[in-house]
Amino acid sequence: MEILAHIDIEEMIIGAFCYLHKNMEFGDFEVMCQKAFKSKDSTVRDCVGLAIARIDDPLYIPIIKSAIENESIVELAEDLNKVLIQLECK
């Protein structure tokens, strides 16, 4: 049950980032993503990476590169690198 609740929370966070992307100026959304990638909570960092993957816009390549450089969790850095590869293929 706890795992399902965690997945639901992640999906809500990702959905919120995608919603905000559609309703904010690029610069404001960019700043919000940069701040989210500095969160102490790895779930938040993971979710913003997944949201950027879902948005699928190469404009976010610099943000993802910076997040990869600063990520302390190897698995999360690897996941962010997959997002980077996806965006670079656009």
PDB file of N, CA and C in Angstrom:
ATOM      1  N   MET A   1       0.824  -1.200   0.000  1.00  0.00           N
ATOM      2  CA  MET A   1       0.000   0.000   0.000  1.00  0.00           C
ATOM      3  C   MET A   1       0.867   1.262   0.000  1.00  0.00           C
ATOM      4  N   GLU A   2       1.923   1.262   0.812  1.00  0.00           N
ATOM      5  CA  GLU A   2       2.796   2.434   0.892  1.00  0.00           C
ATOM      6  C   GLU A   2       3.481   2.699  -0.446  1.00  0.00           C
ATOM      7  N   ILE A   3       3.893   1.641  -1.150  1.00  0.00           N
ATOM      8  CA  ILE A   3       4.539   1.801  -2.451  1.00  0.00           C
ATOM      9  C   ILE A   3       3.572   2.428  -3.447  1.00  0.00           C
ATOM     10  N   LEU A   4       2.328   1.980  -3.466  1.00  0.00           N
ATOM     11  CA  LEU A   4       1.334   2.564  -4.371  1.00  0.00           C
ATOM     12  C   LEU A   4       1.094   4.026  -4.052  1.00  0.00           C
ATOM     13  N   ALA A   5       1.044   4.370  -2.776  1.00  0.00           N
ATOM     14  CA  ALA A   5       0.860   5.768  -2.388  1.00  0.00           C
ATOM     15  C   ALA A   5       2.032   6.603  -2.874  1.00  0.00           C
ATOM     16  N   HIS A   6       3.243   6.055  -2.780  1.00  0.00           N
ATOM     17  CA  HIS A   6       4.436   6.770  -3.232  1.00  0.00           C
ATOM     18  C   HIS A   6       4.363   7.015  -4.739  1.00  0.00           C
ATOM     19  N   ILE A   7       3.933   6.006  -5.490  1.00  0.00           N
ATOM     20  CA  ILE A   7       3.804   6.144  -6.940  1.00  0.00           C
ATOM     21  C   ILE A   7       2.755   7.199  -7.282  1.00  0.00           C
ATOM     22  N   ASP A   8       1.646   7.200  -6.581  1.00  0.00           N
ATOM     23  CA  ASP A   8       0.606   8.201  -6.817  1.00  0.00           C
ATOM     24  C   ASP A   8       1.123   9.606  -6.547  1.00  0.00           C
ATOM     25  N   ILE A   9       1.898   9.768  -5.488  1.00  0.00           N
ATOM     26  CA  ILE A   9       2.457  11.082  -5.161  1.00  0.00           C
ATOM     27  C   ILE A   9       3.412  11.523  -6.259  1.00  0.00           C
ATOM     28  N   GLU A  10       4.274  10.615  -6.720  1.00  0.00           N
ATOM     29  CA  GLU A  10       5.191  10.957  -7.806  1.00  0.00           C
ATOM     30  C   GLU A  10       4.422  11.396  -9.046  1.00  0.00           C
ATOM     31  N   GLU A  11       3.376  10.666  -9.396  1.00  0.00           N
ATOM     32  CA  GLU A  11       2.592  11.008 -10.584  1.00  0.00           C
ATOM     33  C   GLU A  11       1.929  12.373 -10.419  1.00  0.00           C
ATOM     34  N   MET A  12       1.495  12.695  -9.212  1.00  0.00           N
ATOM     35  CA  MET A  12       0.894  14.014  -8.961  1.00  0.00           C
ATOM     36  C   MET A  12       1.932  15.119  -9.111  1.00  0.00           C
ATOM     37  N   ILE A  13       3.146  14.888  -8.607  1.00  0.00           N
ATOM     38  CA  ILE A  13       4.207  15.890  -8.726  1.00  0.00           C
ATOM     39  C   ILE A  13       4.556  16.099 -10.196  1.00  0.00           C
ATOM     40  N   ILE A  14       4.710  15.009 -10.932  1.00  0.00           N
ATOM     41  CA  ILE A  14       5.029  15.109 -12.361  1.00  0.00           C
ATOM     42  C   ILE A  14       3.919  15.856 -13.093  1.00  0.00           C
ATOM     43  N   GLY A  15       2.678  15.506 -12.800  1.00  0.00           N
ATOM     44  CA  GLY A  15       1.543  16.195 -13.413  1.00  0.00           C
ATOM     45  C   GLY A  15       1.524  17.676 -13.092  1.00  0.00           C
ATOM     46  N   ALA A  16       1.866  18.012 -11.857  1.00  0.00           N
ATOM     47  CA  ALA A  16       1.894  19.422 -11.458  1.00  0.00           C
ATOM     48  C   ALA A  16       2.960  20.184 -12.234  1.00  0.00           C
ATOM     49  N   PHE A  17       4.151  19.593 -12.380  1.00  0.00           N
ATOM     50  CA  PHE A  17       5.204  20.253 -13.153  1.00  0.00           C
ATOM     51  C   PHE A  17       4.771  20.444 -14.605  1.00  0.00           C
ATOM     52  N   CYS A  18       4.142  19.431 -15.190  1.00  0.00           N
ATOM     53  CA  CYS A  18       3.680  19.543 -16.580  1.00  0.00           C
ATOM     54  C   CYS A  18       2.609  20.620 -16.719  1.00  0.00           C
ATOM     55  N   TYR A  19       1.708  20.694 -15.753  1.00  0.00           N
ATOM     56  CA  TYR A  19       0.679  21.734 -15.759  1.00  0.00           C
ATOM     57  C   TYR A  19       1.322  23.116 -15.669  1.00  0.00           C
ATOM     58  N   LEU A  20       2.257  23.266 -14.752  1.00  0.00           N
ATOM     59  CA  LEU A  20       2.913  24.564 -14.586  1.00  0.00           C
ATOM     60  C   LEU A  20       3.683  24.950 -15.842  1.00  0.00           C
ATOM     61  N   HIS A  21       4.294  23.964 -16.503  1.00  0.00           N
ATOM     62  CA  HIS A  21       5.019  24.234 -17.741  1.00  0.00           C
ATOM     63  C   HIS A  21       4.110  24.889 -18.774  1.00  0.00           C
ATOM     64  N   LYS A  22       2.869  24.440 -18.839  1.00  0.00           N
ATOM     65  CA  LYS A  22       1.915  24.982 -19.811  1.00  0.00           C
ATOM     66  C   LYS A  22       1.403  26.362 -19.415  1.00  0.00           C
ATOM     67  N   ASN A  23       1.499  26.706 -18.142  1.00  0.00           N
ATOM     68  CA  ASN A  23       0.862  27.922 -17.646  1.00  0.00           C
ATOM     69  C   ASN A  23       1.831  28.961 -17.095  1.00  0.00           C
ATOM     70  N   MET A  24       3.128  28.748 -17.274  1.00  0.00           N
ATOM     71  CA  MET A  24       4.123  29.706 -16.790  1.00  0.00           C
ATOM     72  C   MET A  24       5.000  30.152 -17.954  1.00  0.00           C
ATOM     73  N   GLU A  25       5.614  31.304 -17.785  1.00  0.00           N
ATOM     74  CA  GLU A  25       6.628  31.742 -18.738  1.00  0.00           C
ATOM     75  C   GLU A  25       7.821  30.795 -18.635  1.00  0.00           C
ATOM     76  N   PHE A  26       8.544  30.609 -19.746  1.00  0.00           N
ATOM     77  CA  PHE A  26       9.670  29.673 -19.750  1.00  0.00           C
ATOM     78  C   PHE A  26      10.673  30.005 -18.652  1.00  0.00           C
ATOM     79  N   GLY A  27      11.057  31.261 -18.527  1.00  0.00           N
ATOM     80  CA  GLY A  27      12.065  31.644 -17.539  1.00  0.00           C
ATOM     81  C   GLY A  27      11.650  31.316 -16.118  1.00  0.00           C
ATOM     82  N   ASP A  28      10.380  31.545 -15.802  1.00  0.00           N
ATOM     83  CA  ASP A  28       9.880  31.237 -14.459  1.00  0.00           C
ATOM     84  C   ASP A  28       9.887  29.733 -14.211  1.00  0.00           C
ATOM     85  N   PHE A  29       9.466  28.966 -15.206  1.00  0.00           N
ATOM     86  CA  PHE A  29       9.453  27.511 -15.066  1.00  0.00           C
ATOM     87  C   PHE A  29      10.878  26.982 -14.952  1.00  0.00           C
ATOM     88  N   GLU A  30      11.782  27.577 -15.709  1.00  0.00           N
ATOM     89  CA  GLU A  30      13.188  27.173 -15.668  1.00  0.00           C
ATOM     90  C   GLU A  30      13.759  27.364 -14.262  1.00  0.00           C
ATOM     91  N   VAL A  31      13.485  28.507 -13.655  1.00  0.00           N
ATOM     92  CA  VAL A  31      13.960  28.784 -12.291  1.00  0.00           C
ATOM     93  C   VAL A  31      13.361  27.782 -11.310  1.00  0.00           C
ATOM     94  N   MET A  32      12.075  27.482 -11.460  1.00  0.00           N
ATOM     95  CA  MET A  32      11.425  26.523 -10.571  1.00  0.00           C
ATOM     96  C   MET A  32      12.081  25.144 -10.703  1.00  0.00           C
ATOM     97  N   CYS A  33      12.394  24.727 -11.923  1.00  0.00           N
ATOM     98  CA  CYS A  33      13.049  23.432 -12.131  1.00  0.00           C
ATOM     99  C   CYS A  33      14.440  23.420 -11.506  1.00  0.00           C
ATOM    100  N   GLN A  34      15.178  24.499 -11.687  1.00  0.00           N
ATOM    101  CA  GLN A  34      16.514  24.577 -11.099  1.00  0.00           C
ATOM    102  C   GLN A  34      16.444  24.458  -9.580  1.00  0.00           C
ATOM    103  N   LYS A  35      15.478  25.123  -8.976  1.00  0.00           N
ATOM    104  CA  LYS A  35      15.308  25.028  -7.522  1.00  0.00           C
ATOM    105  C   LYS A  35      14.895  23.621  -7.117  1.00  0.00           C
ATOM    106  N   ALA A  36      14.017  23.002  -7.891  1.00  0.00           N
ATOM    107  CA  ALA A  36      13.569  21.639  -7.574  1.00  0.00           C
ATOM    108  C   ALA A  36      14.731  20.652  -7.648  1.00  0.00           C
ATOM    109  N   PHE A  37      15.640  20.849  -8.601  1.00  0.00           N
ATOM    110  CA  PHE A  37      16.798  19.965  -8.710  1.00  0.00           C
ATOM    111  C   PHE A  37      17.767  20.143  -7.542  1.00  0.00           C
ATOM    112  N   LYS A  38      17.627  21.216  -6.779  1.00  0.00           N
ATOM    113  CA  LYS A  38      18.461  21.436  -5.591  1.00  0.00           C
ATOM    114  C   LYS A  38      17.788  20.929  -4.314  1.00  0.00           C
ATOM    115  N   SER A  39      16.600  20.382  -4.443  1.00  0.00           N
ATOM    116  CA  SER A  39      15.862  19.872  -3.286  1.00  0.00           C
ATOM    117  C   SER A  39      16.644  18.756  -2.593  1.00  0.00           C
ATOM    118  N   LYS A  40      16.535  18.705  -1.279  1.00  0.00           N
ATOM    119  CA  LYS A  40      17.147  17.609  -0.522  1.00  0.00           C
ATOM    120  C   LYS A  40      16.394  16.305  -0.747  1.00  0.00           C
ATOM    121  N   ASP A  41      15.163  16.396  -1.209  1.00  0.00           N
ATOM    122  CA  ASP A  41      14.312  15.226  -1.425  1.00  0.00           C
ATOM    123  C   ASP A  41      14.568  14.656  -2.823  1.00  0.00           C
ATOM    124  N   SER A  42      15.133  13.469  -2.875  1.00  0.00           N
ATOM    125  CA  SER A  42      15.456  12.861  -4.171  1.00  0.00           C
ATOM    126  C   SER A  42      14.204  12.570  -4.998  1.00  0.00           C
ATOM    127  N   THR A  43      13.063  12.376  -4.341  1.00  0.00           N
ATOM    128  CA  THR A  43      11.817  12.148  -5.081  1.00  0.00           C
ATOM    129  C   THR A  43      11.452  13.380  -5.895  1.00  0.00           C
ATOM    130  N   VAL A  44      11.639  14.554  -5.321  1.00  0.00           N
ATOM    131  CA  VAL A  44      11.360  15.797  -6.041  1.00  0.00           C
ATOM    132  C   VAL A  44      12.298  15.913  -7.237  1.00  0.00           C
ATOM    133  N   ARG A  45      13.591  15.642  -7.024  1.00  0.00           N
ATOM    134  CA  ARG A  45      14.555  15.735  -8.124  1.00  0.00           C
ATOM    135  C   ARG A  45      14.215  14.737  -9.229  1.00  0.00           C
ATOM    136  N   ASP A  46      13.837  13.540  -8.838  1.00  0.00           N
ATOM    137  CA  ASP A  46      13.450  12.521  -9.810  1.00  0.00           C
ATOM    138  C   ASP A  46      12.211  12.957 -10.588  1.00  0.00           C
ATOM    139  N   CYS A  47      11.233  13.481  -9.879  1.00  0.00           N
ATOM    140  CA  CYS A  47       9.976  13.883 -10.526  1.00  0.00           C
ATOM    141  C   CYS A  47      10.170  15.033 -11.507  1.00  0.00           C
ATOM    142  N   VAL A  48      11.012  15.996 -11.167  1.00  0.00           N
ATOM    143  CA  VAL A  48      11.216  17.094 -12.114  1.00  0.00           C
ATOM    144  C   VAL A  48      11.936  16.571 -13.358  1.00  0.00           C
ATOM    145  N   GLY A  49      12.839  15.617 -13.184  1.00  0.00           N
ATOM    146  CA  GLY A  49      13.479  14.997 -14.344  1.00  0.00           C
ATOM    147  C   GLY A  49      12.476  14.267 -15.220  1.00  0.00           C
ATOM    148  N   LEU A  50      11.571  13.527 -14.586  1.00  0.00           N
ATOM    149  CA  LEU A  50      10.533  12.813 -15.335  1.00  0.00           C
ATOM    150  C   LEU A  50       9.569  13.781 -16.018  1.00  0.00           C
ATOM    151  N   ALA A  51       9.270  14.881 -15.360  1.00  0.00           N
ATOM    152  CA  ALA A  51       8.390  15.885 -15.973  1.00  0.00           C
ATOM    153  C   ALA A  51       9.050  16.491 -17.207  1.00  0.00           C
ATOM    154  N   ILE A  52      10.333  16.791 -17.106  1.00  0.00           N
ATOM    155  CA  ILE A  52      11.047  17.342 -18.260  1.00  0.00           C
ATOM    156  C   ILE A  52      11.090  16.308 -19.388  1.00  0.00           C
ATOM    157  N   ALA A  53      11.244  15.040 -19.037  1.00  0.00           N
ATOM    158  CA  ALA A  53      11.201  13.989 -20.067  1.00  0.00           C
ATOM    159  C   ALA A  53       9.837  13.966 -20.744  1.00  0.00           C
ATOM    160  N   ARG A  54       8.787  14.126 -19.961  1.00  0.00           N
ATOM    161  CA  ARG A  54       7.426  14.104 -20.518  1.00  0.00           C
ATOM    162  C   ARG A  54       7.185  15.346 -21.382  1.00  0.00           C
ATOM    163  N   ILE A  55       7.693  16.497 -20.953  1.00  0.00           N
ATOM    164  CA  ILE A  55       7.552  17.738 -21.726  1.00  0.00           C
ATOM    165  C   ILE A  55       8.316  17.615 -23.045  1.00  0.00           C
ATOM    166  N   ASP A  56       9.485  16.970 -22.985  1.00  0.00           N
ATOM    167  CA  ASP A  56      10.248  16.596 -24.179  1.00  0.00           C
ATOM    168  C   ASP A  56      10.648  17.796 -25.035  1.00  0.00           C
ATOM    169  N   ASP A  57      11.232  18.803 -24.397  1.00  0.00           N
ATOM    170  CA  ASP A  57      11.639  20.020 -25.100  1.00  0.00           C
ATOM    171  C   ASP A  57      13.139  20.234 -24.909  1.00  0.00           C
ATOM    172  N   PRO A  58      13.902  20.310 -26.012  1.00  0.00           N
ATOM    173  CA  PRO A  58      15.352  20.479 -25.909  1.00  0.00           C
ATOM    174  C   PRO A  58      15.791  21.771 -25.211  1.00  0.00           C
ATOM    175  N   LEU A  59      14.882  22.710 -25.013  1.00  0.00           N
ATOM    176  CA  LEU A  59      15.238  23.924 -24.272  1.00  0.00           C
ATOM    177  C   LEU A  59      15.716  23.606 -22.856  1.00  0.00           C
ATOM    178  N   TYR A  60      15.353  22.431 -22.356  1.00  0.00           N
ATOM    179  CA  TYR A  60      15.704  22.063 -20.983  1.00  0.00           C
ATOM    180  C   TYR A  60      17.031  21.313 -20.876  1.00  0.00           C
ATOM    181  N   ILE A  61      17.743  21.177 -21.979  1.00  0.00           N
ATOM    182  CA  ILE A  61      19.037  20.483 -21.953  1.00  0.00           C
ATOM    183  C   ILE A  61      20.001  21.110 -20.946  1.00  0.00           C
ATOM    184  N   PRO A  62      20.191  22.431 -20.917  1.00  0.00           N
ATOM    185  CA  PRO A  62      21.127  22.998 -19.931  1.00  0.00           C
ATOM    186  C   PRO A  62      20.737  22.698 -18.478  1.00  0.00           C
ATOM    187  N   ILE A  63      19.438  22.694 -18.194  1.00  0.00           N
ATOM    188  CA  ILE A  63      18.975  22.409 -16.834  1.00  0.00           C
ATOM    189  C   ILE A  63      19.295  20.962 -16.472  1.00  0.00           C
ATOM    190  N   ILE A  64      19.044  20.040 -17.390  1.00  0.00           N
ATOM    191  CA  ILE A  64      19.323  18.625 -17.142  1.00  0.00           C
ATOM    192  C   ILE A  64      20.826  18.401 -16.974  1.00  0.00           C
ATOM    193  N   LYS A  65      21.641  19.034 -17.817  1.00  0.00           N
ATOM    194  CA  LYS A  65      23.096  18.880 -17.698  1.00  0.00           C
ATOM    195  C   LYS A  65      23.574  19.338 -16.327  1.00  0.00           C
ATOM    196  N   SER A  66      23.080  20.467 -15.885  1.00  0.00           N
ATOM    197  CA  SER A  66      23.446  20.979 -14.564  1.00  0.00           C
ATOM    198  C   SER A  66      22.996  20.025 -13.461  1.00  0.00           C
ATOM    199  N   ALA A  67      21.791  19.496 -13.593  1.00  0.00           N
ATOM    200  CA  ALA A  67      21.267  18.560 -12.591  1.00  0.00           C
ATOM    201  C   ALA A  67      22.125  17.295 -12.528  1.00  0.00           C
ATOM    202  N   ILE A  68      22.563  16.806 -13.676  1.00  0.00           N
ATOM    203  CA  ILE A  68      23.409  15.608 -13.719  1.00  0.00           C
ATOM    204  C   ILE A  68      24.723  15.876 -12.990  1.00  0.00           C
ATOM    205  N   GLU A  69      25.323  17.028 -13.258  1.00  0.00           N
ATOM    206  CA  GLU A  69      26.599  17.378 -12.630  1.00  0.00           C
ATOM    207  C   GLU A  69      26.490  17.460 -11.111  1.00  0.00           C
ATOM    208  N   ASN A  70      25.338  17.886 -10.620  1.00  0.00           N
ATOM    209  CA  ASN A  70      25.171  18.107  -9.185  1.00  0.00           C
ATOM    210  C   ASN A  70      24.506  16.952  -8.448  1.00  0.00           C
ATOM    211  N   GLU A  71      24.054  15.938  -9.172  1.00  0.00           N
ATOM    212  CA  GLU A  71      23.317  14.839  -8.532  1.00  0.00           C
ATOM    213  C   GLU A  71      24.260  13.907  -7.776  1.00  0.00           C
ATOM    214  N   SER A  72      23.945  13.647  -6.516  1.00  0.00           N
ATOM    215  CA  SER A  72      24.785  12.795  -5.664  1.00  0.00           C
ATOM    216  C   SER A  72      24.390  11.319  -5.719  1.00  0.00           C
ATOM    217  N   ILE A  73      23.194  11.020  -6.181  1.00  0.00           N
ATOM    218  CA  ILE A  73      22.736   9.630  -6.266  1.00  0.00           C
ATOM    219  C   ILE A  73      23.013   9.119  -7.679  1.00  0.00           C
ATOM    220  N   VAL A  74      23.876   8.118  -7.764  1.00  0.00           N
ATOM    221  CA  VAL A  74      24.328   7.616  -9.064  1.00  0.00           C
ATOM    222  C   VAL A  74      23.158   7.187  -9.947  1.00  0.00           C
ATOM    223  N   GLU A  75      22.218   6.443  -9.377  1.00  0.00           N
ATOM    224  CA  GLU A  75      21.085   5.944 -10.168  1.00  0.00           C
ATOM    225  C   GLU A  75      20.238   7.085 -10.719  1.00  0.00           C
ATOM    226  N   LEU A  76      20.055   8.129  -9.929  1.00  0.00           N
ATOM    227  CA  LEU A  76      19.275   9.275 -10.386  1.00  0.00           C
ATOM    228  C   LEU A  76      20.033  10.036 -11.470  1.00  0.00           C
ATOM    229  N   ALA A  77      21.339  10.182 -11.307  1.00  0.00           N
ATOM    230  CA  ALA A  77      22.149  10.829 -12.348  1.00  0.00           C
ATOM    231  C   ALA A  77      22.060  10.042 -13.655  1.00  0.00           C
ATOM    232  N   GLU A  78      22.050   8.711 -13.556  1.00  0.00           N
ATOM    233  CA  GLU A  78      21.918   7.878 -14.757  1.00  0.00           C
ATOM    234  C   GLU A  78      20.555   8.082 -15.414  1.00  0.00           C
ATOM    235  N   ASP A  79      19.510   8.175 -14.604  1.00  0.00           N
ATOM    236  CA  ASP A  79      18.166   8.428 -15.148  1.00  0.00           C
ATOM    237  C   ASP A  79      18.101   9.792 -15.830  1.00  0.00           C
ATOM    238  N   LEU A  80      18.710  10.793 -15.202  1.00  0.00           N
ATOM    239  CA  LEU A  80      18.724  12.133 -15.794  1.00  0.00           C
ATOM    240  C   LEU A  80      19.514  12.132 -17.100  1.00  0.00           C
ATOM    241  N   ASN A  81      20.560  11.329 -17.159  1.00  0.00           N
ATOM    242  CA  ASN A  81      21.328  11.228 -18.395  1.00  0.00           C
ATOM    243  C   ASN A  81      20.476  10.643 -19.522  1.00  0.00           C
ATOM    244  N   LYS A  82      19.589   9.713 -19.190  1.00  0.00           N
ATOM    245  CA  LYS A  82      18.664   9.166 -20.196  1.00  0.00           C
ATOM    246  C   LYS A  82      17.735  10.262 -20.723  1.00  0.00           C
ATOM    247  N   VAL A  83      17.304  11.151 -19.829  1.00  0.00           N
ATOM    248  CA  VAL A  83      16.468  12.285 -20.252  1.00  0.00           C
ATOM    249  C   VAL A  83      17.273  13.185 -21.182  1.00  0.00           C
ATOM    250  N   LEU A  84      18.528  13.432 -20.827  1.00  0.00           N
ATOM    251  CA  LEU A  84      19.395  14.258 -21.665  1.00  0.00           C
ATOM    252  C   LEU A  84      19.521  13.658 -23.065  1.00  0.00           C
ATOM    253  N   ILE A  85      19.770  12.374 -23.133  1.00  0.00           N
ATOM    254  CA  ILE A  85      19.891  11.701 -24.439  1.00  0.00           C
ATOM    255  C   ILE A  85      18.598  11.856 -25.237  1.00  0.00           C
ATOM    256  N   GLN A  86      17.469  11.679 -24.569  1.00  0.00           N
ATOM    257  CA  GLN A  86      16.165  11.844 -25.233  1.00  0.00           C
ATOM    258  C   GLN A  86      16.033  13.250 -25.813  1.00  0.00           C
ATOM    259  N   LEU A  87      16.390  14.258 -25.019  1.00  0.00           N
ATOM    260  CA  LEU A  87      16.238  15.644 -25.469  1.00  0.00           C
ATOM    261  C   LEU A  87      17.217  15.982 -26.582  1.00  0.00           C
ATOM    262  N   GLU A  88      18.408  15.410 -26.531  1.00  0.00           N
ATOM    263  CA  GLU A  88      19.407  15.690 -27.568  1.00  0.00           C
ATOM    264  C   GLU A  88      19.031  15.056 -28.904  1.00  0.00           C
ATOM    265  N   CYS A  89      18.153  14.077 -28.882  1.00  0.00           N
ATOM    266  CA  CYS A  89      17.709  13.417 -30.125  1.00  0.00           C
ATOM    267  C   CYS A  89      16.618  14.211 -30.837  1.00  0.00           C
ATOM    268  N   LYS A  90      16.141  15.283 -30.229  1.00  0.00           N
ATOM    269  CA  LYS A  90      15.064  16.084 -30.833  1.00  0.00           C
ATOM    270  C   LYS A  90      15.602  16.892 -31.990  1.00  0.00           C
TER     271      LYS A  90
END
